[in-house]
Amino acid sequence: MLGHGTPYGLLSVGSFEGSFIIDCDTVPLFEDKECVFIWCNADRFVNAYDLKGLYSGMFVSEVGEAMMMGLGVVPQRTVDQSNNSFAEWLGQGMSRDLYHAYHRCMYRYEELAKRNPVAAYNADRLYITL
């Protein structure tokens, strides 16, 4: 699950009826499963319901979010590099299992973080609980 969200779940952004695609009503679908929860403050949602998987805290995916989180004016290409690299590397690791995907992705993402402030911010806010 990936997109824009809040501590209360993943927002529908007008694509579905209601404000959220994923919220307290959908939690039973994820119990006893390892899932991927990537949206702003997904950690608060995952921890509130004791869910398992890979998840993010605040996750900068737009130039405006970078500014709000104190990263200053960040070029769109920097945000795109962070977003695209993260998605590609996580996807590559998913063929095995979530543990492998997380560690494979984080190894590369932390290398990118040395030269990309958005990746550095996000890498500090990615978690796994299995």
N, C-alpha and C. Protein backbone atom coordinates (compact mmCIF):
# COMPACT_ATOMS: atom_id res chain seq x y z
N MET A 1 0.85 -1.17 0.00
CA MET A 1 0.00 0.00 0.00
C MET A 1 0.90 1.23 0.00
N LEU A 2 0.68 2.09 -0.95
CA LEU A 2 1.54 3.25 -1.10
C LEU A 2 0.72 4.43 -1.60
N GLY A 3 0.94 5.57 -1.00
CA GLY A 3 0.25 6.78 -1.44
C GLY A 3 0.31 7.84 -0.36
N HIS A 4 -0.63 8.75 -0.42
CA HIS A 4 -0.71 9.80 0.58
C HIS A 4 -1.63 9.32 1.71
N GLY A 5 -1.24 9.63 2.93
CA GLY A 5 -2.03 9.17 4.05
C GLY A 5 -1.81 9.97 5.31
N THR A 6 -2.39 9.49 6.37
CA THR A 6 -2.34 10.10 7.68
C THR A 6 -2.15 8.99 8.71
N PRO A 7 -2.03 9.33 9.99
CA PRO A 7 -1.97 8.28 11.00
C PRO A 7 -3.23 7.40 11.04
N TYR A 8 -4.29 7.86 10.38
CA TYR A 8 -5.56 7.12 10.39
C TYR A 8 -5.72 6.22 9.19
N GLY A 9 -4.80 6.29 8.23
CA GLY A 9 -4.86 5.38 7.10
C GLY A 9 -4.41 6.00 5.79
N LEU A 10 -4.60 5.23 4.74
CA LEU A 10 -4.22 5.62 3.38
C LEU A 10 -5.39 6.33 2.72
N LEU A 11 -5.15 7.55 2.27
CA LEU A 11 -6.21 8.37 1.68
C LEU A 11 -6.64 7.86 0.31
N SER A 12 -7.91 8.03 0.00
CA SER A 12 -8.42 7.59 -1.30
C SER A 12 -8.16 8.62 -2.39
N VAL A 13 -7.94 9.87 -2.03
CA VAL A 13 -7.68 10.97 -2.96
C VAL A 13 -8.73 10.97 -4.09
N GLY A 14 -9.98 10.78 -3.70
CA GLY A 14 -11.09 10.86 -4.64
C GLY A 14 -11.29 9.66 -5.53
N SER A 15 -10.49 8.62 -5.38
CA SER A 15 -10.58 7.45 -6.24
C SER A 15 -11.61 6.43 -5.76
N PHE A 16 -11.97 6.49 -4.50
CA PHE A 16 -12.91 5.54 -3.92
C PHE A 16 -13.91 6.30 -3.07
N GLU A 17 -15.00 5.66 -2.75
CA GLU A 17 -15.98 6.28 -1.87
C GLU A 17 -15.37 6.43 -0.48
N GLY A 18 -15.55 7.58 0.11
CA GLY A 18 -15.00 7.84 1.43
C GLY A 18 -13.63 8.47 1.35
N SER A 19 -13.10 8.85 2.51
CA SER A 19 -11.82 9.54 2.58
C SER A 19 -10.63 8.60 2.54
N PHE A 20 -10.80 7.36 3.00
CA PHE A 20 -9.69 6.43 3.12
C PHE A 20 -9.93 5.15 2.32
N ILE A 21 -8.84 4.63 1.75
CA ILE A 21 -8.87 3.29 1.15
C ILE A 21 -8.57 2.27 2.24
N ILE A 22 -7.59 2.62 3.08
CA ILE A 22 -7.16 1.78 4.20
C ILE A 22 -7.39 2.56 5.48
N ASP A 23 -8.14 1.97 6.40
CA ASP A 23 -8.40 2.61 7.70
C ASP A 23 -8.72 1.54 8.72
N CYS A 24 -9.26 1.94 9.86
CA CYS A 24 -9.54 0.99 10.94
C CYS A 24 -10.49 -0.13 10.50
N ASP A 25 -11.36 0.16 9.55
CA ASP A 25 -12.30 -0.86 9.08
C ASP A 25 -11.63 -1.96 8.27
N THR A 26 -10.49 -1.67 7.67
CA THR A 26 -9.80 -2.66 6.84
C THR A 26 -8.73 -3.44 7.59
N VAL A 27 -8.46 -3.07 8.82
CA VAL A 27 -7.40 -3.72 9.61
C VAL A 27 -7.53 -5.24 9.63
N PRO A 28 -8.72 -5.83 9.77
CA PRO A 28 -8.81 -7.30 9.79
C PRO A 28 -8.20 -7.97 8.54
N LEU A 29 -8.15 -7.26 7.42
CA LEU A 29 -7.55 -7.83 6.21
C LEU A 29 -6.06 -8.05 6.35
N PHE A 30 -5.41 -7.31 7.24
CA PHE A 30 -3.95 -7.33 7.36
C PHE A 30 -3.44 -8.08 8.57
N GLU A 31 -4.32 -8.46 9.46
CA GLU A 31 -3.89 -9.18 10.66
C GLU A 31 -3.26 -10.50 10.26
N ASP A 32 -2.17 -10.86 10.91
CA ASP A 32 -1.44 -12.10 10.64
C ASP A 32 -0.84 -12.15 9.24
N LYS A 33 -0.61 -10.99 8.64
CA LYS A 33 0.05 -10.91 7.33
C LYS A 33 1.19 -9.90 7.42
N GLU A 34 2.17 -10.08 6.56
CA GLU A 34 3.24 -9.10 6.42
C GLU A 34 2.88 -8.21 5.24
N CYS A 35 2.77 -6.92 5.48
CA CYS A 35 2.33 -5.98 4.45
C CYS A 35 3.33 -4.84 4.31
N VAL A 36 3.15 -4.06 3.26
CA VAL A 36 3.94 -2.85 3.04
C VAL A 36 3.00 -1.66 3.18
N PHE A 37 3.33 -0.75 4.10
CA PHE A 37 2.53 0.44 4.39
C PHE A 37 3.44 1.66 4.19
N ILE A 38 3.39 2.28 3.02
CA ILE A 38 4.23 3.44 2.75
C ILE A 38 3.34 4.64 2.48
N TRP A 39 3.18 5.45 3.50
CA TRP A 39 2.51 6.74 3.39
C TRP A 39 2.93 7.57 4.59
N CYS A 40 2.68 8.85 4.54
CA CYS A 40 3.09 9.72 5.65
C CYS A 40 2.44 9.26 6.95
N ASN A 41 3.27 8.99 7.92
CA ASN A 41 2.85 8.59 9.27
C ASN A 41 2.15 7.24 9.32
N ALA A 42 2.47 6.36 8.40
CA ALA A 42 1.92 5.01 8.43
C ALA A 42 2.36 4.28 9.70
N ASP A 43 3.51 4.68 10.25
CA ASP A 43 3.99 4.03 11.48
C ASP A 43 2.97 4.14 12.60
N ARG A 44 2.30 5.25 12.68
CA ARG A 44 1.31 5.43 13.75
C ARG A 44 0.10 4.52 13.53
N PHE A 45 -0.28 4.31 12.30
CA PHE A 45 -1.37 3.39 11.96
C PHE A 45 -0.95 1.94 12.27
N VAL A 46 0.23 1.55 11.79
CA VAL A 46 0.72 0.18 11.99
C VAL A 46 0.87 -0.13 13.48
N ASN A 47 1.45 0.79 14.22
CA ASN A 47 1.66 0.55 15.65
C ASN A 47 0.35 0.55 16.44
N ALA A 48 -0.60 1.37 16.04
CA ALA A 48 -1.89 1.43 16.75
C ALA A 48 -2.64 0.09 16.66
N TYR A 49 -2.44 -0.62 15.55
CA TYR A 49 -3.16 -1.88 15.35
C TYR A 49 -2.25 -3.10 15.42
N ASP A 50 -1.01 -2.89 15.85
CA ASP A 50 -0.04 -3.99 16.02
C ASP A 50 0.07 -4.82 14.75
N LEU A 51 0.21 -4.14 13.61
CA LEU A 51 0.35 -4.82 12.32
C LEU A 51 1.81 -5.14 12.06
N LYS A 52 2.06 -6.01 11.12
CA LYS A 52 3.41 -6.45 10.78
C LYS A 52 3.74 -6.06 9.35
N GLY A 53 5.03 -5.77 9.14
CA GLY A 53 5.48 -5.50 7.80
C GLY A 53 6.48 -4.38 7.71
N LEU A 54 6.62 -3.84 6.52
CA LEU A 54 7.49 -2.71 6.22
C LEU A 54 6.62 -1.47 6.20
N TYR A 55 7.08 -0.41 6.87
CA TYR A 55 6.23 0.78 6.97
C TYR A 55 7.08 2.03 7.15
N SER A 56 6.46 3.16 6.90
CA SER A 56 7.17 4.43 6.97
C SER A 56 6.59 5.34 8.03
N GLY A 57 7.44 6.23 8.51
CA GLY A 57 6.99 7.38 9.28
C GLY A 57 6.63 8.45 8.26
N MET A 58 6.89 9.70 8.59
CA MET A 58 6.70 10.75 7.59
C MET A 58 7.59 10.40 6.40
N PHE A 59 7.03 10.41 5.20
CA PHE A 59 7.77 10.01 4.00
C PHE A 59 7.62 11.12 2.97
N VAL A 60 8.72 11.79 2.69
CA VAL A 60 8.70 12.91 1.74
C VAL A 60 8.66 12.36 0.31
N SER A 61 7.60 12.73 -0.41
CA SER A 61 7.45 12.28 -1.80
C SER A 61 7.13 13.44 -2.74
N GLU A 62 7.11 14.67 -2.23
CA GLU A 62 6.82 15.85 -3.03
C GLU A 62 7.71 17.00 -2.57
N VAL A 63 7.94 17.94 -3.48
CA VAL A 63 8.76 19.11 -3.17
C VAL A 63 8.18 19.88 -1.98
N GLY A 64 6.88 20.08 -1.94
CA GLY A 64 6.24 20.80 -0.84
C GLY A 64 6.45 20.13 0.50
N GLU A 65 6.41 18.79 0.51
CA GLU A 65 6.65 18.07 1.76
C GLU A 65 8.09 18.24 2.22
N ALA A 66 9.02 18.27 1.28
CA ALA A 66 10.43 18.49 1.63
C ALA A 66 10.58 19.83 2.33
N MET A 67 9.93 20.85 1.81
CA MET A 67 10.01 22.18 2.43
C MET A 67 9.38 22.16 3.82
N MET A 68 8.20 21.53 3.95
CA MET A 68 7.52 21.46 5.24
C MET A 68 8.35 20.73 6.29
N MET A 69 9.16 19.76 5.86
CA MET A 69 9.95 18.98 6.81
C MET A 69 11.33 19.57 7.05
N GLY A 70 11.55 20.79 6.54
CA GLY A 70 12.79 21.49 6.84
C GLY A 70 13.96 21.16 5.93
N LEU A 71 13.71 20.54 4.78
CA LEU A 71 14.79 20.21 3.87
C LEU A 71 15.13 21.36 2.93
N GLY A 72 14.38 22.44 3.02
CA GLY A 72 14.62 23.59 2.16
C GLY A 72 14.05 23.37 0.78
N VAL A 73 14.51 24.19 -0.16
CA VAL A 73 14.06 24.07 -1.54
C VAL A 73 14.83 22.93 -2.20
N VAL A 74 14.11 21.88 -2.53
CA VAL A 74 14.70 20.69 -3.13
C VAL A 74 14.18 20.59 -4.57
N PRO A 75 15.05 20.41 -5.54
CA PRO A 75 14.59 20.29 -6.92
C PRO A 75 13.71 19.05 -7.12
N GLN A 76 12.77 19.14 -8.05
CA GLN A 76 11.89 18.02 -8.36
C GLN A 76 12.70 16.77 -8.72
N ARG A 77 13.80 16.94 -9.43
CA ARG A 77 14.60 15.77 -9.84
C ARG A 77 15.16 15.02 -8.63
N THR A 78 15.43 15.73 -7.54
CA THR A 78 15.93 15.09 -6.32
C THR A 78 14.82 14.25 -5.69
N VAL A 79 13.61 14.80 -5.64
CA VAL A 79 12.47 14.05 -5.11
C VAL A 79 12.18 12.85 -6.00
N ASP A 80 12.18 13.06 -7.31
CA ASP A 80 11.93 11.96 -8.26
C ASP A 80 12.95 10.85 -8.12
N GLN A 81 14.21 11.22 -7.97
CA GLN A 81 15.27 10.22 -7.80
C GLN A 81 15.02 9.38 -6.55
N SER A 82 14.66 10.04 -5.45
CA SER A 82 14.37 9.32 -4.22
C SER A 82 13.17 8.39 -4.40
N ASN A 83 12.07 8.93 -4.93
CA ASN A 83 10.86 8.12 -5.11
C ASN A 83 11.09 6.94 -6.04
N ASN A 84 11.65 7.21 -7.19
CA ASN A 84 11.82 6.16 -8.20
C ASN A 84 12.81 5.10 -7.76
N SER A 85 13.90 5.51 -7.15
CA SER A 85 14.89 4.55 -6.68
C SER A 85 14.31 3.67 -5.58
N PHE A 86 13.63 4.30 -4.62
CA PHE A 86 13.03 3.53 -3.53
C PHE A 86 12.06 2.48 -4.08
N ALA A 87 11.17 2.89 -4.97
CA ALA A 87 10.18 1.96 -5.53
C ALA A 87 10.84 0.83 -6.31
N GLU A 88 11.82 1.18 -7.11
CA GLU A 88 12.50 0.16 -7.91
C GLU A 88 13.23 -0.84 -7.02
N TRP A 89 13.99 -0.35 -6.05
CA TRP A 89 14.78 -1.24 -5.21
C TRP A 89 13.91 -2.09 -4.31
N LEU A 90 12.85 -1.54 -3.78
CA LEU A 90 11.94 -2.34 -2.96
C LEU A 90 11.28 -3.41 -3.82
N GLY A 91 10.85 -3.03 -4.99
CA GLY A 91 10.21 -3.99 -5.90
C GLY A 91 11.14 -5.13 -6.29
N GLN A 92 12.40 -4.83 -6.51
CA GLN A 92 13.36 -5.87 -6.89
C GLN A 92 13.53 -6.91 -5.78
N GLY A 93 13.45 -6.48 -4.56
CA GLY A 93 13.64 -7.40 -3.44
C GLY A 93 12.42 -8.21 -3.08
N MET A 94 11.26 -7.82 -3.59
CA MET A 94 10.00 -8.48 -3.20
C MET A 94 9.87 -9.90 -3.73
N SER A 95 10.72 -10.30 -4.65
CA SER A 95 10.61 -11.65 -5.20
C SER A 95 10.95 -12.73 -4.17
N ARG A 96 11.66 -12.36 -3.12
CA ARG A 96 12.00 -13.34 -2.08
C ARG A 96 11.05 -13.24 -0.91
N ASP A 97 11.26 -12.26 -0.06
CA ASP A 97 10.39 -12.05 1.10
C ASP A 97 10.57 -10.62 1.57
N LEU A 98 9.74 -10.20 2.49
CA LEU A 98 9.75 -8.81 2.94
C LEU A 98 11.04 -8.45 3.67
N TYR A 99 11.56 -9.36 4.45
CA TYR A 99 12.82 -9.11 5.16
C TYR A 99 13.94 -8.81 4.16
N HIS A 100 14.05 -9.66 3.15
CA HIS A 100 15.07 -9.48 2.12
C HIS A 100 14.82 -8.18 1.36
N ALA A 101 13.59 -7.91 1.01
CA ALA A 101 13.25 -6.69 0.27
C ALA A 101 13.66 -5.45 1.06
N TYR A 102 13.35 -5.42 2.33
CA TYR A 102 13.69 -4.28 3.18
C TYR A 102 15.20 -4.06 3.23
N HIS A 103 15.94 -5.10 3.52
CA HIS A 103 17.39 -4.95 3.68
C HIS A 103 18.08 -4.65 2.35
N ARG A 104 17.63 -5.26 1.29
CA ARG A 104 18.20 -4.96 -0.03
C ARG A 104 17.92 -3.51 -0.41
N CYS A 105 16.70 -3.08 -0.21
CA CYS A 105 16.32 -1.70 -0.52
C CYS A 105 17.09 -0.72 0.34
N MET A 106 17.14 -0.96 1.63
CA MET A 106 17.79 -0.03 2.55
C MET A 106 19.29 0.10 2.26
N TYR A 107 19.94 -0.98 1.88
CA TYR A 107 21.37 -0.91 1.57
C TYR A 107 21.58 0.10 0.44
N ARG A 108 20.80 0.00 -0.62
CA ARG A 108 20.95 0.91 -1.75
C ARG A 108 20.44 2.31 -1.43
N TYR A 109 19.32 2.37 -0.72
CA TYR A 109 18.71 3.67 -0.42
C TYR A 109 19.62 4.49 0.50
N GLU A 110 20.28 3.85 1.43
CA GLU A 110 21.22 4.55 2.32
C GLU A 110 22.45 5.04 1.55
N GLU A 111 22.84 4.34 0.50
CA GLU A 111 23.91 4.84 -0.37
C GLU A 111 23.45 6.10 -1.10
N LEU A 112 22.24 6.07 -1.63
CA LEU A 112 21.67 7.25 -2.29
C LEU A 112 21.55 8.40 -1.30
N ALA A 113 21.22 8.10 -0.07
CA ALA A 113 21.02 9.12 0.97
C ALA A 113 22.27 9.96 1.22
N LYS A 114 23.42 9.44 0.88
CA LYS A 114 24.66 10.19 1.06
C LYS A 114 24.73 11.42 0.16
N ARG A 115 23.94 11.40 -0.94
CA ARG A 115 23.96 12.53 -1.87
C ARG A 115 22.57 13.07 -2.19
N ASN A 116 21.55 12.52 -1.54
CA ASN A 116 20.18 12.94 -1.81
C ASN A 116 19.49 13.21 -0.47
N PRO A 117 19.20 14.48 -0.15
CA PRO A 117 18.63 14.80 1.17
C PRO A 117 17.23 14.22 1.40
N VAL A 118 16.47 14.01 0.35
CA VAL A 118 15.14 13.41 0.51
C VAL A 118 15.29 11.94 0.90
N ALA A 119 16.15 11.24 0.22
CA ALA A 119 16.41 9.84 0.57
C ALA A 119 16.96 9.73 1.99
N ALA A 120 17.81 10.67 2.38
CA ALA A 120 18.36 10.65 3.74
C ALA A 120 17.25 10.81 4.77
N TYR A 121 16.35 11.74 4.51
CA TYR A 121 15.22 11.97 5.42
C TYR A 121 14.36 10.71 5.51
N ASN A 122 14.00 10.16 4.37
CA ASN A 122 13.11 9.00 4.33
C ASN A 122 13.75 7.74 4.92
N ALA A 123 15.02 7.55 4.64
CA ALA A 123 15.70 6.34 5.12
C ALA A 123 15.67 6.24 6.64
N ASP A 124 15.70 7.38 7.30
CA ASP A 124 15.63 7.41 8.76
C ASP A 124 14.23 7.09 9.28
N ARG A 125 13.26 6.96 8.39
CA ARG A 125 11.87 6.78 8.80
C ARG A 125 11.24 5.57 8.14
N LEU A 126 12.05 4.56 7.86
CA LEU A 126 11.55 3.30 7.32
C LEU A 126 11.80 2.20 8.35
N TYR A 127 10.80 1.39 8.58
CA TYR A 127 10.85 0.39 9.66
C TYR A 127 10.33 -0.95 9.16
N ILE A 128 10.70 -2.00 9.87
CA ILE A 128 10.16 -3.31 9.59
C ILE A 128 9.90 -4.03 10.91
N THR A 129 8.76 -4.66 11.01
CA THR A 129 8.40 -5.48 12.15
C THR A 129 7.76 -6.74 11.60
N LEU A 130 8.42 -7.86 11.85
CA LEU A 130 7.89 -9.14 11.32
C LEU A 130 7.50 -10.08 12.44
